[in-house]
PDB file of N, CA and C in Angstrom:
ATOM      1  N   UNK A   1      -5.347  11.091  41.137  1.00  0.00           N
ATOM      2  CA  UNK A   1      -6.014  10.421  40.051  1.00  0.00           C
ATOM      3  C   UNK A   1      -5.046   9.511  39.302  1.00  0.00           C
ATOM      4  N   UNK A   2      -3.861  10.019  39.007  1.00  0.00           N
ATOM      5  CA  UNK A   2      -2.862   9.224  38.306  1.00  0.00           C
ATOM      6  C   UNK A   2      -2.413   8.054  39.160  1.00  0.00           C
ATOM      7  N   UNK A   3      -2.348   8.275  40.453  1.00  0.00           N
ATOM      8  CA  UNK A   3      -1.936   7.201  41.357  1.00  0.00           C
ATOM      9  C   UNK A   3      -2.952   6.071  41.357  1.00  0.00           C
ATOM     10  N   UNK A   4      -4.243   6.406  41.262  1.00  0.00           N
ATOM     11  CA  UNK A   4      -5.256   5.348  41.241  1.00  0.00           C
ATOM     12  C   UNK A   4      -5.179   4.547  39.942  1.00  0.00           C
ATOM     13  N   UNK A   5      -4.905   5.219  38.817  1.00  0.00           N
ATOM     14  CA  UNK A   5      -4.734   4.489  37.557  1.00  0.00           C
ATOM     15  C   UNK A   5      -3.522   3.567  37.616  1.00  0.00           C
ATOM     16  N   UNK A   6      -2.460   4.068  38.226  1.00  0.00           N
ATOM     17  CA  UNK A   6      -1.247   3.259  38.347  1.00  0.00           C
ATOM     18  C   UNK A   6      -1.495   2.054  39.240  1.00  0.00           C
ATOM     19  N   UNK A   7      -2.237   2.239  40.323  1.00  0.00           N
ATOM     20  CA  UNK A   7      -2.521   1.105  41.203  1.00  0.00           C
ATOM     21  C   UNK A   7      -3.426   0.090  40.509  1.00  0.00           C
ATOM     22  N   UNK A   8      -4.378   0.560  39.663  1.00  0.00           N
ATOM     23  CA  UNK A   8      -5.222  -0.370  38.904  1.00  0.00           C
ATOM     24  C   UNK A   8      -4.393  -1.157  37.893  1.00  0.00           C
ATOM     25  N   UNK A   9      -3.462  -0.467  37.242  1.00  0.00           N
ATOM     26  CA  UNK A   9      -2.629  -1.139  36.253  1.00  0.00           C
ATOM     27  C   UNK A   9      -1.770  -2.210  36.911  1.00  0.00           C
ATOM     28  N   UNK A  10      -1.193  -1.888  38.050  1.00  0.00           N
ATOM     29  CA  UNK A  10      -0.362  -2.848  38.773  1.00  0.00           C
ATOM     30  C   UNK A  10      -1.206  -4.017  39.256  1.00  0.00           C
ATOM     31  N   UNK A  11      -2.390  -3.739  39.790  1.00  0.00           N
ATOM     32  CA  UNK A  11      -3.270  -4.809  40.271  1.00  0.00           C
ATOM     33  C   UNK A  11      -3.736  -5.681  39.112  1.00  0.00           C
ATOM     34  N   UNK A  12      -4.032  -5.059  37.990  1.00  0.00           N
ATOM     35  CA  UNK A  12      -4.472  -5.827  36.825  1.00  0.00           C
ATOM     36  C   UNK A  12      -3.366  -6.691  36.258  1.00  0.00           C
ATOM     37  N   UNK A  13      -2.146  -6.163  36.244  1.00  0.00           N
ATOM     38  CA  UNK A  13      -1.050  -6.964  35.704  1.00  0.00           C
ATOM     39  C   UNK A  13      -0.670  -8.097  36.644  1.00  0.00           C
ATOM     40  N   UNK A  14      -0.893  -7.917  37.927  1.00  0.00           N
ATOM     41  CA  UNK A  14      -0.584  -8.985  38.876  1.00  0.00           C
ATOM     42  C   UNK A  14      -1.588 -10.118  38.769  1.00  0.00           C
ATOM     43  N   UNK A  15      -2.841  -9.795  38.457  1.00  0.00           N
ATOM     44  CA  UNK A  15      -3.860 -10.839  38.379  1.00  0.00           C
ATOM     45  C   UNK A  15      -3.912 -11.492  37.008  1.00  0.00           C
ATOM     46  N   UNK A  16      -3.404 -10.841  35.984  1.00  0.00           N
ATOM     47  CA  UNK A  16      -3.467 -11.401  34.631  1.00  0.00           C
ATOM     48  C   UNK A  16      -2.387 -12.458  34.461  1.00  0.00           C
ATOM     49  N   UNK A  17      -2.728 -13.644  33.955  1.00  0.00           N
ATOM     50  CA  UNK A  17      -1.735 -14.693  33.804  1.00  0.00           C
ATOM     51  C   UNK A  17      -0.793 -14.450  32.625  1.00  0.00           C
ATOM     52  N   UNK A  18      -1.196 -13.644  31.658  1.00  0.00           N
ATOM     53  CA  UNK A  18      -0.368 -13.403  30.480  1.00  0.00           C
ATOM     54  C   UNK A  18      -0.114 -11.916  30.340  1.00  0.00           C
ATOM     55  N   UNK A  19       1.066 -11.583  29.883  1.00  0.00           N
ATOM     56  CA  UNK A  19       1.352 -10.180  29.653  1.00  0.00           C
ATOM     57  C   UNK A  19       0.831  -9.774  28.279  1.00  0.00           C
ATOM     58  N   UNK A  20       0.670  -8.493  28.095  1.00  0.00           N
ATOM     59  CA  UNK A  20       0.174  -7.980  26.817  1.00  0.00           C
ATOM     60  C   UNK A  20       1.165  -8.310  25.706  1.00  0.00           C
ATOM     61  N   UNK A  21       2.455  -8.212  26.004  1.00  0.00           N
ATOM     62  CA  UNK A  21       3.455  -8.510  24.992  1.00  0.00           C
ATOM     63  C   UNK A  21       3.398  -9.973  24.576  1.00  0.00           C
ATOM     64  N   UNK A  22       3.205 -10.868  25.530  1.00  0.00           N
ATOM     65  CA  UNK A  22       3.150 -12.294  25.204  1.00  0.00           C
ATOM     66  C   UNK A  22       1.927 -12.612  24.361  1.00  0.00           C
ATOM     67  N   UNK A  23       0.799 -11.989  24.698  1.00  0.00           N
ATOM     68  CA  UNK A  23      -0.422 -12.235  23.927  1.00  0.00           C
ATOM     69  C   UNK A  23      -0.286 -11.662  22.525  1.00  0.00           C
ATOM     70  N   UNK A  24       0.247 -10.450  22.399  1.00  0.00           N
ATOM     71  CA  UNK A  24       0.385  -9.859  21.071  1.00  0.00           C
ATOM     72  C   UNK A  24       1.406 -10.624  20.237  1.00  0.00           C
ATOM     73  N   UNK A  25       2.461 -11.139  20.851  1.00  0.00           N
ATOM     74  CA  UNK A  25       3.426 -11.953  20.111  1.00  0.00           C
ATOM     75  C   UNK A  25       2.784 -13.248  19.642  1.00  0.00           C
ATOM     76  N   UNK A  26       1.936 -13.814  20.476  1.00  0.00           N
ATOM     77  CA  UNK A  26       1.231 -15.036  20.095  1.00  0.00           C
ATOM     78  C   UNK A  26       0.291 -14.777  18.929  1.00  0.00           C
ATOM     79  N   UNK A  27      -0.419 -13.652  18.965  1.00  0.00           N
ATOM     80  CA  UNK A  27      -1.337 -13.308  17.875  1.00  0.00           C
ATOM     81  C   UNK A  27      -0.557 -13.053  16.600  1.00  0.00           C
ATOM     82  N   UNK A  28       0.559 -12.323  16.687  1.00  0.00           N
ATOM     83  CA  UNK A  28       1.369 -12.062  15.501  1.00  0.00           C
ATOM     84  C   UNK A  28       1.902 -13.355  14.906  1.00  0.00           C
ATOM     85  N   UNK A  29       2.322 -14.283  15.747  1.00  0.00           N
ATOM     86  CA  UNK A  29       2.814 -15.566  15.259  1.00  0.00           C
ATOM     87  C   UNK A  29       1.724 -16.364  14.590  1.00  0.00           C
ATOM     88  N   UNK A  30       0.523 -16.322  15.144  1.00  0.00           N
ATOM     89  CA  UNK A  30      -0.599 -17.055  14.551  1.00  0.00           C
ATOM     90  C   UNK A  30      -0.987 -16.443  13.222  1.00  0.00           C
ATOM     91  N   UNK A  31      -0.947 -15.120  13.118  1.00  0.00           N
ATOM     92  CA  UNK A  31      -1.294 -14.481  11.860  1.00  0.00           C
ATOM     93  C   UNK A  31      -0.241 -14.754  10.799  1.00  0.00           C
ATOM     94  N   UNK A  32       1.003 -14.856  11.203  1.00  0.00           N
ATOM     95  CA  UNK A  32       2.056 -15.122  10.234  1.00  0.00           C
ATOM     96  C   UNK A  32       1.947 -16.537   9.684  1.00  0.00           C
ATOM     97  N   UNK A  33       1.501 -17.488  10.505  1.00  0.00           N
ATOM     98  CA  UNK A  33       1.411 -18.878  10.080  1.00  0.00           C
ATOM     99  C   UNK A  33       0.147 -19.166   9.289  1.00  0.00           C
ATOM    100  N   UNK A  34      -0.915 -18.413   9.527  1.00  0.00           N
ATOM    101  CA  UNK A  34      -2.195 -18.755   8.929  1.00  0.00           C
ATOM    102  C   UNK A  34      -2.516 -17.834   7.763  1.00  0.00           C
ATOM    103  N   UNK A  35      -2.987 -18.445   6.713  1.00  0.00           N
ATOM    104  CA  UNK A  35      -3.483 -17.725   5.558  1.00  0.00           C
ATOM    105  C   UNK A  35      -4.551 -18.593   4.922  1.00  0.00           C
ATOM    106  N   UNK A  36      -5.240 -18.047   3.951  1.00  0.00           N
ATOM    107  CA  UNK A  36      -6.290 -18.819   3.296  1.00  0.00           C
ATOM    108  C   UNK A  36      -5.689 -20.041   2.612  1.00  0.00           C
ATOM    109  N   UNK A  37      -4.532 -19.881   2.012  1.00  0.00           N
ATOM    110  CA  UNK A  37      -3.878 -21.007   1.352  1.00  0.00           C
ATOM    111  C   UNK A  37      -3.501 -22.108   2.322  1.00  0.00           C
ATOM    112  N   UNK A  38      -3.058 -21.725   3.515  1.00  0.00           N
ATOM    113  CA  UNK A  38      -2.710 -22.712   4.532  1.00  0.00           C
ATOM    114  C   UNK A  38      -3.938 -23.478   4.985  1.00  0.00           C
ATOM    115  N   UNK A  39      -5.034 -22.748   5.221  1.00  0.00           N
ATOM    116  CA  UNK A  39      -6.278 -23.412   5.628  1.00  0.00           C
ATOM    117  C   UNK A  39      -6.784 -24.341   4.531  1.00  0.00           C
ATOM    118  N   UNK A  40      -6.702 -23.893   3.295  1.00  0.00           N
ATOM    119  CA  UNK A  40      -7.153 -24.711   2.173  1.00  0.00           C
ATOM    120  C   UNK A  40      -6.290 -25.959   2.030  1.00  0.00           C
ATOM    121  N   UNK A  41      -4.990 -25.803   2.191  1.00  0.00           N
ATOM    122  CA  UNK A  41      -4.086 -26.947   2.107  1.00  0.00           C
ATOM    123  C   UNK A  41      -4.364 -27.948   3.225  1.00  0.00           C
ATOM    124  N   UNK A  42      -4.589 -27.450   4.434  1.00  0.00           N
ATOM    125  CA  UNK A  42      -4.917 -28.336   5.562  1.00  0.00           C
ATOM    126  C   UNK A  42      -6.225 -29.074   5.320  1.00  0.00           C
ATOM    127  N   UNK A  43      -7.210 -28.370   4.768  1.00  0.00           N
ATOM    128  CA  UNK A  43      -8.501 -29.009   4.486  1.00  0.00           C
ATOM    129  C   UNK A  43      -8.347 -30.084   3.418  1.00  0.00           C
ATOM    130  N   UNK A  44      -7.558 -29.811   2.393  1.00  0.00           N
ATOM    131  CA  UNK A  44      -7.332 -30.811   1.343  1.00  0.00           C
ATOM    132  C   UNK A  44      -6.664 -32.058   1.901  1.00  0.00           C
ATOM    133  N   UNK A  45      -5.680 -31.869   2.757  1.00  0.00           N
ATOM    134  CA  UNK A  45      -4.998 -33.019   3.355  1.00  0.00           C
ATOM    135  C   UNK A  45      -5.929 -33.808   4.272  1.00  0.00           C
ATOM    136  N   UNK A  46      -6.781 -33.104   5.019  1.00  0.00           N
ATOM    137  CA  UNK A  46      -7.722 -33.795   5.908  1.00  0.00           C
ATOM    138  C   UNK A  46      -8.742 -34.596   5.110  1.00  0.00           C
ATOM    139  N   UNK A  47      -9.235 -34.036   4.026  1.00  0.00           N
ATOM    140  CA  UNK A  47     -10.210 -34.750   3.195  1.00  0.00           C
ATOM    141  C   UNK A  47      -9.553 -35.940   2.514  1.00  0.00           C
ATOM    142  N   UNK A  48      -8.331 -35.761   2.064  1.00  0.00           N
ATOM    143  CA  UNK A  48      -7.606 -36.878   1.451  1.00  0.00           C
ATOM    144  C   UNK A  48      -7.381 -37.998   2.464  1.00  0.00           C
ATOM    145  N   UNK A  49      -7.044 -37.628   3.690  1.00  0.00           N
ATOM    146  CA  UNK A  49      -6.842 -38.640   4.736  1.00  0.00           C
ATOM    147  C   UNK A  49      -8.140 -39.379   5.040  1.00  0.00           C
ATOM    148  N   UNK A  50      -9.260 -38.666   5.050  1.00  0.00           N
ATOM    149  CA  UNK A  50     -10.553 -39.319   5.279  1.00  0.00           C
ATOM    150  C   UNK A  50     -10.873 -40.302   4.161  1.00  0.00           C
ATOM    151  N   UNK A  51     -10.578 -39.913   2.929  1.00  0.00           N
ATOM    152  CA  UNK A  51     -10.860 -40.808   1.808  1.00  0.00           C
ATOM    153  C   UNK A  51      -9.978 -42.050   1.853  1.00  0.00           C
ATOM    154  N   UNK A  52      -8.718 -41.875   2.212  1.00  0.00           N
ATOM    155  CA  UNK A  52      -7.827 -43.034   2.317  1.00  0.00           C
ATOM    156  C   UNK A  52      -8.241 -43.953   3.467  1.00  0.00           C
ATOM    157  N   UNK A  53      -8.655 -43.357   4.588  1.00  0.00           N
ATOM    158  CA  UNK A  53      -9.099 -44.168   5.725  1.00  0.00           C
ATOM    159  C   UNK A  53     -10.367 -44.936   5.378  1.00  0.00           C
ATOM    160  N   UNK A  54     -11.283 -44.295   4.670  1.00  0.00           N
ATOM    161  CA  UNK A  54     -12.522 -44.978   4.267  1.00  0.00           C
ATOM    162  C   UNK A  54     -12.219 -46.102   3.290  1.00  0.00           C
ATOM    163  N   UNK A  55     -11.306 -45.861   2.361  1.00  0.00           N
ATOM    164  CA  UNK A  55     -10.938 -46.907   1.403  1.00  0.00           C
ATOM    165  C   UNK A  55     -10.277 -48.084   2.113  1.00  0.00           C
ATOM    166  N   UNK A  56      -9.446 -47.793   3.106  1.00  0.00           N
ATOM    167  CA  UNK A  56      -8.790 -48.870   3.853  1.00  0.00           C
ATOM    168  C   UNK A  56      -9.805 -49.685   4.642  1.00  0.00           C
ATOM    169  N   UNK A  57     -10.777 -49.011   5.249  1.00  0.00           N
ATOM    170  CA  UNK A  57     -11.805 -49.742   6.001  1.00  0.00           C
ATOM    171  C   UNK A  57     -12.662 -50.591   5.070  1.00  0.00           C
ATOM    172  N   UNK A  58     -12.989 -50.072   3.899  1.00  0.00           N
ATOM    173  CA  UNK A  58     -13.776 -50.856   2.934  1.00  0.00           C
ATOM    174  C   UNK A  58     -12.969 -52.060   2.448  1.00  0.00           C
ATOM    175  N   UNK A  59     -11.672 -51.874   2.241  1.00  0.00           N
ATOM    176  CA  UNK A  59     -10.809 -52.973   1.807  1.00  0.00           C
ATOM    177  C   UNK A  59     -10.740 -54.055   2.881  1.00  0.00           C
ATOM    178  N   UNK A  60     -10.671 -53.652   4.147  1.00  0.00           N
ATOM    179  CA  UNK A  60     -10.646 -54.633   5.237  1.00  0.00           C
ATOM    180  C   UNK A  60     -11.945 -55.428   5.299  1.00  0.00           C
ATOM    181  N   UNK A  61     -13.072 -54.764   5.073  1.00  0.00           N
ATOM    182  CA  UNK A  61     -14.356 -55.472   5.071  1.00  0.00           C
ATOM    183  C   UNK A  61     -14.433 -56.400   3.866  1.00  0.00           C
ATOM    184  N   UNK A  62     -13.993 -55.917   2.704  1.00  0.00           N
ATOM    185  CA  UNK A  62     -14.039 -56.735   1.485  1.00  0.00           C
ATOM    186  C   UNK A  62     -13.171 -57.982   1.597  1.00  0.00           C
ATOM    187  N   UNK A  63     -12.011 -57.846   2.236  1.00  0.00           N
ATOM    188  CA  UNK A  63     -11.098 -58.986   2.336  1.00  0.00           C
ATOM    189  C   UNK A  63     -11.439 -59.914   3.500  1.00  0.00           C
ATOM    190  N   UNK A  64     -12.381 -59.520   4.353  1.00  0.00           N
ATOM    191  CA  UNK A  64     -12.785 -60.368   5.465  1.00  0.00           C
ATOM    192  C   UNK A  64     -11.980 -60.167   6.730  1.00  0.00           C
ATOM    193  N   UNK A  65     -11.064 -59.211   6.751  1.00  0.00           N
ATOM    194  CA  UNK A  65     -10.271 -58.951   7.953  1.00  0.00           C
ATOM    195  C   UNK A  65     -11.067 -58.198   9.007  1.00  0.00           C
ATOM    196  N   UNK A  66     -12.177 -57.588   8.612  1.00  0.00           N
ATOM    197  CA  UNK A  66     -13.011 -56.842   9.551  1.00  0.00           C
ATOM    198  C   UNK A  66     -14.471 -57.124   9.236  1.00  0.00           C
ATOM    199  N   UNK A  67     -15.287 -57.118  10.271  1.00  0.00           N
ATOM    200  CA  UNK A  67     -16.721 -57.292  10.049  1.00  0.00           C
ATOM    201  C   UNK A  67     -17.487 -56.018  10.419  1.00  0.00           C
ATOM    202  N   UNK A  68     -16.795 -54.899  10.472  1.00  0.00           N
ATOM    203  CA  UNK A  68     -17.401 -53.608  10.816  1.00  0.00           C
ATOM    204  C   UNK A  68     -17.904 -52.917   9.548  1.00  0.00           C
ATOM    205  N   UNK A  69     -18.951 -53.465   8.978  1.00  0.00           N
ATOM    206  CA  UNK A  69     -19.513 -52.906   7.752  1.00  0.00           C
ATOM    207  C   UNK A  69     -20.129 -51.533   8.010  1.00  0.00           C
ATOM    208  N   UNK A  70     -20.789 -51.380   9.149  1.00  0.00           N
ATOM    209  CA  UNK A  70     -21.422 -50.097   9.470  1.00  0.00           C
ATOM    210  C   UNK A  70     -20.361 -49.004   9.610  1.00  0.00           C
ATOM    211  N   UNK A  71     -19.271 -49.304  10.304  1.00  0.00           N
ATOM    212  CA  UNK A  71     -18.196 -48.325  10.455  1.00  0.00           C
ATOM    213  C   UNK A  71     -17.565 -47.963   9.124  1.00  0.00           C
ATOM    214  N   UNK A  72     -17.408 -48.963   8.254  1.00  0.00           N
ATOM    215  CA  UNK A  72     -16.839 -48.698   6.934  1.00  0.00           C
ATOM    216  C   UNK A  72     -17.774 -47.828   6.104  1.00  0.00           C
ATOM    217  N   UNK A  73     -19.065 -48.084   6.184  1.00  0.00           N
ATOM    218  CA  UNK A  73     -20.024 -47.281   5.427  1.00  0.00           C
ATOM    219  C   UNK A  73     -20.100 -45.853   5.975  1.00  0.00           C
ATOM    220  N   UNK A  74     -20.030 -45.716   7.294  1.00  0.00           N
ATOM    221  CA  UNK A  74     -20.027 -44.373   7.879  1.00  0.00           C
ATOM    222  C   UNK A  74     -18.779 -43.596   7.463  1.00  0.00           C
ATOM    223  N   UNK A  75     -17.640 -44.257   7.457  1.00  0.00           N
ATOM    224  CA  UNK A  75     -16.404 -43.598   7.025  1.00  0.00           C
ATOM    225  C   UNK A  75     -16.495 -43.202   5.557  1.00  0.00           C
ATOM    226  N   UNK A  76     -17.109 -44.068   4.754  1.00  0.00           N
ATOM    227  CA  UNK A  76     -17.279 -43.763   3.337  1.00  0.00           C
ATOM    228  C   UNK A  76     -18.196 -42.558   3.140  1.00  0.00           C
ATOM    229  N   UNK A  77     -19.296 -42.508   3.873  1.00  0.00           N
ATOM    230  CA  UNK A  77     -20.209 -41.370   3.767  1.00  0.00           C
ATOM    231  C   UNK A  77     -19.565 -40.088   4.292  1.00  0.00           C
ATOM    232  N   UNK A  78     -18.763 -40.193   5.339  1.00  0.00           N
ATOM    233  CA  UNK A  78     -18.050 -39.034   5.867  1.00  0.00           C
ATOM    234  C   UNK A  78     -17.100 -38.478   4.814  1.00  0.00           C
ATOM    235  N   UNK A  79     -16.382 -39.363   4.148  1.00  0.00           N
ATOM    236  CA  UNK A  79     -15.462 -38.925   3.099  1.00  0.00           C
ATOM    237  C   UNK A  79     -16.224 -38.312   1.929  1.00  0.00           C
ATOM    238  N   UNK A  80     -17.354 -38.900   1.581  1.00  0.00           N
ATOM    239  CA  UNK A  80     -18.152 -38.377   0.471  1.00  0.00           C
ATOM    240  C   UNK A  80     -18.695 -36.988   0.800  1.00  0.00           C
ATOM    241  N   UNK A  81     -19.217 -36.812   2.008  1.00  0.00           N
ATOM    242  CA  UNK A  81     -19.742 -35.504   2.400  1.00  0.00           C
ATOM    243  C   UNK A  81     -18.636 -34.456   2.501  1.00  0.00           C
ATOM    244  N   UNK A  82     -17.473 -34.856   2.978  1.00  0.00           N
ATOM    245  CA  UNK A  82     -16.344 -33.923   3.060  1.00  0.00           C
ATOM    246  C   UNK A  82     -15.928 -33.464   1.674  1.00  0.00           C
ATOM    247  N   UNK A  83     -15.900 -34.394   0.732  1.00  0.00           N
ATOM    248  CA  UNK A  83     -15.529 -34.031  -0.634  1.00  0.00           C
ATOM    249  C   UNK A  83     -16.592 -33.137  -1.265  1.00  0.00           C
ATOM    250  N   UNK A  84     -17.868 -33.413  -0.991  1.00  0.00           N
ATOM    251  CA  UNK A  84     -18.941 -32.567  -1.516  1.00  0.00           C
ATOM    252  C   UNK A  84     -18.838 -31.153  -0.948  1.00  0.00           C
ATOM    253  N   UNK A  85     -18.501 -31.039   0.336  1.00  0.00           N
ATOM    254  CA  UNK A  85     -18.330 -29.727   0.945  1.00  0.00           C
ATOM    255  C   UNK A  85     -17.160 -28.991   0.297  1.00  0.00           C
ATOM    256  N   UNK A  86     -16.065 -29.700   0.054  1.00  0.00           N
ATOM    257  CA  UNK A  86     -14.916 -29.099  -0.610  1.00  0.00           C
ATOM    258  C   UNK A  86     -15.298 -28.598  -1.996  1.00  0.00           C
ATOM    259  N   UNK A  87     -16.091 -29.367  -2.709  1.00  0.00           N
ATOM    260  CA  UNK A  87     -16.527 -28.964  -4.045  1.00  0.00           C
ATOM    261  C   UNK A  87     -17.376 -27.698  -3.973  1.00  0.00           C
ATOM    262  N   UNK A  88     -18.250 -27.607  -2.985  1.00  0.00           N
ATOM    263  CA  UNK A  88     -19.082 -26.413  -2.834  1.00  0.00           C
ATOM    264  C   UNK A  88     -18.239 -25.187  -2.483  1.00  0.00           C
ATOM    265  N   UNK A  89     -17.246 -25.362  -1.638  1.00  0.00           N
ATOM    266  CA  UNK A  89     -16.357 -24.240  -1.301  1.00  0.00           C
ATOM    267  C   UNK A  89     -15.600 -23.794  -2.541  1.00  0.00           C
ATOM    268  N   UNK A  90     -15.107 -24.756  -3.310  1.00  0.00           N
ATOM    269  CA  UNK A  90     -14.414 -24.411  -4.549  1.00  0.00           C
ATOM    270  C   UNK A  90     -15.328 -23.640  -5.485  1.00  0.00           C
ATOM    271  N   UNK A  91     -16.577 -24.086  -5.623  1.00  0.00           N
ATOM    272  CA  UNK A  91     -17.519 -23.398  -6.503  1.00  0.00           C
ATOM    273  C   UNK A  91     -17.781 -21.971  -6.035  1.00  0.00           C
ATOM    274  N   UNK A  92     -17.888 -21.763  -4.732  1.00  0.00           N
ATOM    275  CA  UNK A  92     -18.109 -20.413  -4.199  1.00  0.00           C
ATOM    276  C   UNK A  92     -16.900 -19.515  -4.451  1.00  0.00           C
ATOM    277  N   UNK A  93     -15.704 -20.059  -4.289  1.00  0.00           N
ATOM    278  CA  UNK A  93     -14.491 -19.268  -4.528  1.00  0.00           C
ATOM    279  C   UNK A  93     -14.384 -18.905  -6.000  1.00  0.00           C
ATOM    280  N   UNK A  94     -14.663 -19.847  -6.882  1.00  0.00           N
ATOM    281  CA  UNK A  94     -14.607 -19.577  -8.322  1.00  0.00           C
ATOM    282  C   UNK A  94     -15.654 -18.536  -8.701  1.00  0.00           C
ATOM    283  N   UNK A  95     -16.857 -18.641  -8.146  1.00  0.00           N
ATOM    284  CA  UNK A  95     -17.901 -17.657  -8.436  1.00  0.00           C
ATOM    285  C   UNK A  95     -17.501 -16.272  -7.934  1.00  0.00           C
ATOM    286  N   UNK A  96     -16.878 -16.202  -6.760  1.00  0.00           N
ATOM    287  CA  UNK A  96     -16.431 -14.914  -6.227  1.00  0.00           C
ATOM    288  C   UNK A  96     -15.340 -14.317  -7.105  1.00  0.00           C
ATOM    289  N   UNK A  97     -14.427 -15.138  -7.579  1.00  0.00           N
ATOM    290  CA  UNK A  97     -13.380 -14.637  -8.471  1.00  0.00           C
ATOM    291  C   UNK A  97     -13.962 -14.177  -9.795  1.00  0.00           C
ATOM    292  N   UNK A  98     -14.946 -14.896 -10.313  1.00  0.00           N
ATOM    293  CA  UNK A  98     -15.610 -14.462 -11.544  1.00  0.00           C
ATOM    294  C   UNK A  98     -16.284 -13.109 -11.349  1.00  0.00           C
ATOM    295  N   UNK A  99     -16.937 -12.923 -10.202  1.00  0.00           N
ATOM    296  CA  UNK A  99     -17.570 -11.634  -9.912  1.00  0.00           C
ATOM    297  C   UNK A  99     -16.537 -10.518  -9.846  1.00  0.00           C
ATOM    298  N   UNK A 100     -15.382 -10.803  -9.261  1.00  0.00           N
ATOM    299  CA  UNK A 100     -14.324  -9.790  -9.199  1.00  0.00           C
ATOM    300  C   UNK A 100     -13.798  -9.448 -10.585  1.00  0.00           C
ATOM    301  N   UNK A 101     -13.653 -10.448 -11.425  1.00  0.00           N
ATOM    302  CA  UNK A 101     -13.137 -10.198 -12.769  1.00  0.00           C
ATOM    303  C   UNK A 101     -14.138  -9.446 -13.638  1.00  0.00           C
ATOM    304  N   UNK A 102     -15.419  -9.589 -13.356  1.00  0.00           N
ATOM    305  CA  UNK A 102     -16.453  -8.915 -14.144  1.00  0.00           C
ATOM    306  C   UNK A 102     -16.713  -7.487 -13.683  1.00  0.00           C
ATOM    307  N   UNK A 103     -16.118  -7.092 -12.567  1.00  0.00           N
ATOM    308  CA  UNK A 103     -16.338  -5.736 -12.058  1.00  0.00           C
ATOM    309  C   UNK A 103     -15.692  -4.719 -12.983  1.00  0.00           C
ATOM    310  N   UNK A 104     -16.392  -3.620 -13.236  1.00  0.00           N
ATOM    311  CA  UNK A 104     -15.779  -2.580 -14.075  1.00  0.00           C
ATOM    312  C   UNK A 104     -14.653  -1.880 -13.316  1.00  0.00           C
ATOM    313  N   UNK A 105     -13.652  -1.506 -14.055  1.00  0.00           N
ATOM    314  CA  UNK A 105     -12.483  -0.880 -13.434  1.00  0.00           C
ATOM    315  C   UNK A 105     -12.588   0.613 -13.441  1.00  0.00           C
TER     316      UNK A 105
END
């Protein structure tokens, strides 16, 4: 019985492209790098980049360097919706913190 388990383990490790140690090290590294603050910071930078890109496209259309008005308007709406989503996430986080602070101890 033990020999069959050992042969399964050997066969499984031969067919698996990654070792358990490599996968667990990868997961530990990902957990160490990621936190809610990191995700929030990345989202803020992405939304800021979208707003700057939309402003640049609108400036190009305004100055006559580009005639892509539809693309500029789409970029502007994308930036607006991204900012609205960020505002809603902020409101949910603030409401959750308020609920935590109101909990009896």
